[in-house]
Amino acid sequence: MRLKYDPEVDILWVWLSEEPFDYAEESNGVIAHFSAEGRPVLLEIQGGREFLLGSLTSLVKAEEVRLP
């Protein structure tokens, strides 16, 4: 897994695989990219700063972290 955050556009990218992606679906500010076989390849999380800060807070409190 590979992560990248760009503060200029406030997007967090999470690569789950190095496969090429074929199509994408968007839901609640998260764009999921899938391979031609339907496997998740990349997640683009809009509002990445808030997601990261909220996730870290939840993890410190031993709570579950959920995607938006």
N, C-alpha and C. Protein backbone atom coordinates (compact mmCIF):
# COMPACT_ATOMS: atom_id res chain seq x y z
N MET A 1 0.85 -1.16 0.00
CA MET A 1 0.00 0.00 0.00
C MET A 1 0.90 1.23 0.00
N ARG A 2 0.43 2.25 -0.71
CA ARG A 2 1.18 3.49 -0.84
C ARG A 2 0.22 4.65 -0.58
N LEU A 3 0.67 5.69 0.11
CA LEU A 3 -0.15 6.85 0.43
C LEU A 3 0.50 8.12 -0.08
N LYS A 4 -0.35 9.08 -0.48
CA LYS A 4 0.15 10.41 -0.85
C LYS A 4 -0.94 11.41 -0.50
N TYR A 5 -0.53 12.54 0.08
CA TYR A 5 -1.47 13.61 0.41
C TYR A 5 -0.99 14.89 -0.25
N ASP A 6 -1.91 15.61 -0.89
CA ASP A 6 -1.60 16.89 -1.52
C ASP A 6 -2.40 17.98 -0.82
N PRO A 7 -1.74 18.84 -0.02
CA PRO A 7 -2.47 19.87 0.72
C PRO A 7 -3.10 20.94 -0.17
N GLU A 8 -2.55 21.15 -1.37
CA GLU A 8 -3.10 22.17 -2.26
C GLU A 8 -4.52 21.83 -2.72
N VAL A 9 -4.78 20.54 -2.94
CA VAL A 9 -6.12 20.12 -3.38
C VAL A 9 -6.85 19.34 -2.28
N ASP A 10 -6.18 19.11 -1.14
CA ASP A 10 -6.73 18.41 0.02
C ASP A 10 -7.30 17.04 -0.35
N ILE A 11 -6.45 16.27 -1.06
CA ILE A 11 -6.84 14.91 -1.46
C ILE A 11 -5.79 13.92 -0.94
N LEU A 12 -6.27 12.83 -0.38
CA LEU A 12 -5.43 11.72 0.04
C LEU A 12 -5.61 10.58 -0.95
N TRP A 13 -4.50 10.10 -1.50
CA TRP A 13 -4.53 8.96 -2.41
C TRP A 13 -4.02 7.74 -1.67
N VAL A 14 -4.73 6.62 -1.78
CA VAL A 14 -4.33 5.37 -1.16
C VAL A 14 -4.29 4.31 -2.25
N TRP A 15 -3.07 3.91 -2.63
CA TRP A 15 -2.92 2.85 -3.63
C TRP A 15 -2.97 1.51 -2.92
N LEU A 16 -3.91 0.69 -3.30
CA LEU A 16 -4.07 -0.64 -2.73
C LEU A 16 -3.35 -1.70 -3.56
N SER A 17 -3.06 -1.33 -4.81
CA SER A 17 -2.45 -2.25 -5.75
C SER A 17 -1.72 -1.44 -6.81
N GLU A 18 -0.79 -2.06 -7.48
CA GLU A 18 -0.09 -1.39 -8.59
C GLU A 18 -0.72 -1.75 -9.94
N GLU A 19 -1.84 -2.47 -9.91
CA GLU A 19 -2.54 -2.81 -11.15
C GLU A 19 -3.05 -1.54 -11.84
N PRO A 20 -3.16 -1.55 -13.15
CA PRO A 20 -3.80 -0.42 -13.82
C PRO A 20 -5.29 -0.42 -13.50
N PHE A 21 -5.87 0.78 -13.40
CA PHE A 21 -7.30 0.82 -13.14
C PHE A 21 -8.07 1.06 -14.42
N ASP A 22 -9.29 0.56 -14.44
CA ASP A 22 -10.12 0.55 -15.63
C ASP A 22 -11.33 1.48 -15.50
N TYR A 23 -11.88 1.60 -14.30
CA TYR A 23 -13.06 2.44 -14.11
C TYR A 23 -13.10 2.92 -12.66
N ALA A 24 -13.95 3.90 -12.40
CA ALA A 24 -14.04 4.46 -11.06
C ALA A 24 -15.50 4.68 -10.67
N GLU A 25 -15.72 4.69 -9.36
CA GLU A 25 -17.04 4.99 -8.80
C GLU A 25 -16.85 5.98 -7.66
N GLU A 26 -17.76 6.96 -7.55
CA GLU A 26 -17.67 7.99 -6.52
C GLU A 26 -18.82 7.85 -5.55
N SER A 27 -18.52 8.02 -4.27
CA SER A 27 -19.56 8.00 -3.23
C SER A 27 -19.08 8.83 -2.05
N ASN A 28 -19.83 9.84 -1.69
CA ASN A 28 -19.55 10.66 -0.50
C ASN A 28 -18.12 11.19 -0.43
N GLY A 29 -17.60 11.69 -1.53
CA GLY A 29 -16.26 12.28 -1.52
C GLY A 29 -15.12 11.29 -1.63
N VAL A 30 -15.44 10.02 -1.89
CA VAL A 30 -14.40 9.01 -2.08
C VAL A 30 -14.57 8.44 -3.49
N ILE A 31 -13.49 8.51 -4.25
CA ILE A 31 -13.50 7.93 -5.60
C ILE A 31 -12.68 6.65 -5.54
N ALA A 32 -13.33 5.54 -5.82
CA ALA A 32 -12.66 4.23 -5.82
C ALA A 32 -12.39 3.83 -7.26
N HIS A 33 -11.13 3.52 -7.55
CA HIS A 33 -10.73 3.07 -8.88
C HIS A 33 -10.55 1.56 -8.84
N PHE A 34 -11.05 0.88 -9.87
CA PHE A 34 -11.03 -0.58 -9.92
C PHE A 34 -10.31 -1.07 -11.17
N SER A 35 -9.75 -2.26 -11.06
CA SER A 35 -9.14 -2.92 -12.22
C SER A 35 -10.26 -3.43 -13.13
N ALA A 36 -9.89 -3.89 -14.31
CA ALA A 36 -10.88 -4.44 -15.24
C ALA A 36 -11.59 -5.65 -14.64
N GLU A 37 -10.93 -6.33 -13.69
CA GLU A 37 -11.52 -7.50 -13.03
C GLU A 37 -12.35 -7.13 -11.81
N GLY A 38 -12.44 -5.82 -11.50
CA GLY A 38 -13.26 -5.36 -10.39
C GLY A 38 -12.56 -5.28 -9.05
N ARG A 39 -11.22 -5.43 -9.04
CA ARG A 39 -10.47 -5.32 -7.79
C ARG A 39 -10.16 -3.86 -7.49
N PRO A 40 -10.27 -3.42 -6.22
CA PRO A 40 -9.93 -2.04 -5.88
C PRO A 40 -8.43 -1.78 -6.06
N VAL A 41 -8.10 -0.66 -6.70
CA VAL A 41 -6.71 -0.32 -6.99
C VAL A 41 -6.30 0.96 -6.27
N LEU A 42 -7.16 1.98 -6.29
CA LEU A 42 -6.81 3.29 -5.76
C LEU A 42 -8.04 3.93 -5.15
N LEU A 43 -7.84 4.58 -3.98
CA LEU A 43 -8.88 5.39 -3.36
C LEU A 43 -8.42 6.83 -3.37
N GLU A 44 -9.29 7.73 -3.80
CA GLU A 44 -9.04 9.17 -3.72
C GLU A 44 -10.01 9.71 -2.69
N ILE A 45 -9.49 10.23 -1.59
CA ILE A 45 -10.34 10.73 -0.52
C ILE A 45 -10.28 12.25 -0.52
N GLN A 46 -11.39 12.88 -0.94
CA GLN A 46 -11.49 14.33 -0.92
C GLN A 46 -11.69 14.77 0.52
N GLY A 47 -11.12 15.91 0.89
CA GLY A 47 -11.15 16.31 2.29
C GLY A 47 -10.17 15.47 3.09
N GLY A 48 -9.02 15.19 2.49
CA GLY A 48 -8.04 14.29 3.08
C GLY A 48 -7.51 14.74 4.43
N ARG A 49 -7.36 16.05 4.64
CA ARG A 49 -6.83 16.54 5.92
C ARG A 49 -7.76 16.17 7.06
N GLU A 50 -9.03 16.46 6.89
CA GLU A 50 -10.02 16.13 7.93
C GLU A 50 -10.07 14.62 8.16
N PHE A 51 -10.02 13.84 7.08
CA PHE A 51 -10.04 12.39 7.21
C PHE A 51 -8.83 11.88 8.00
N LEU A 52 -7.64 12.38 7.65
CA LEU A 52 -6.43 11.94 8.34
C LEU A 52 -6.46 12.31 9.82
N LEU A 53 -6.81 13.56 10.13
CA LEU A 53 -6.85 13.99 11.52
C LEU A 53 -7.90 13.22 12.31
N GLY A 54 -9.06 13.02 11.73
CA GLY A 54 -10.11 12.25 12.39
C GLY A 54 -9.71 10.80 12.58
N SER A 55 -9.03 10.23 11.61
CA SER A 55 -8.59 8.84 11.69
C SER A 55 -7.56 8.67 12.80
N LEU A 56 -6.60 9.58 12.87
CA LEU A 56 -5.59 9.49 13.92
C LEU A 56 -6.21 9.61 15.30
N THR A 57 -7.15 10.53 15.46
CA THR A 57 -7.84 10.69 16.73
C THR A 57 -8.58 9.41 17.10
N SER A 58 -9.28 8.82 16.14
CA SER A 58 -10.02 7.59 16.39
C SER A 58 -9.08 6.44 16.75
N LEU A 59 -7.96 6.33 16.06
CA LEU A 59 -7.02 5.25 16.34
C LEU A 59 -6.42 5.38 17.74
N VAL A 60 -6.11 6.62 18.16
CA VAL A 60 -5.56 6.83 19.50
C VAL A 60 -6.58 6.43 20.56
N LYS A 61 -7.86 6.64 20.25
CA LYS A 61 -8.93 6.27 21.18
C LYS A 61 -9.34 4.80 21.00
N ALA A 62 -8.63 4.07 20.16
CA ALA A 62 -8.91 2.67 19.87
C ALA A 62 -10.31 2.48 19.29
N GLU A 63 -10.73 3.43 18.45
CA GLU A 63 -12.03 3.33 17.78
C GLU A 63 -11.82 2.90 16.33
N GLU A 64 -12.87 2.43 15.72
CA GLU A 64 -12.83 2.04 14.32
C GLU A 64 -12.78 3.27 13.44
N VAL A 65 -11.98 3.20 12.36
CA VAL A 65 -11.91 4.29 11.39
C VAL A 65 -12.71 3.89 10.17
N ARG A 66 -13.61 4.78 9.74
CA ARG A 66 -14.44 4.50 8.56
C ARG A 66 -14.20 5.54 7.50
N LEU A 67 -14.31 5.12 6.25
CA LEU A 67 -14.23 6.08 5.15
C LEU A 67 -15.48 6.93 5.16
N PRO A 68 -15.34 8.18 4.66
CA PRO A 68 -16.54 9.05 4.64
C PRO A 68 -17.67 8.44 3.84
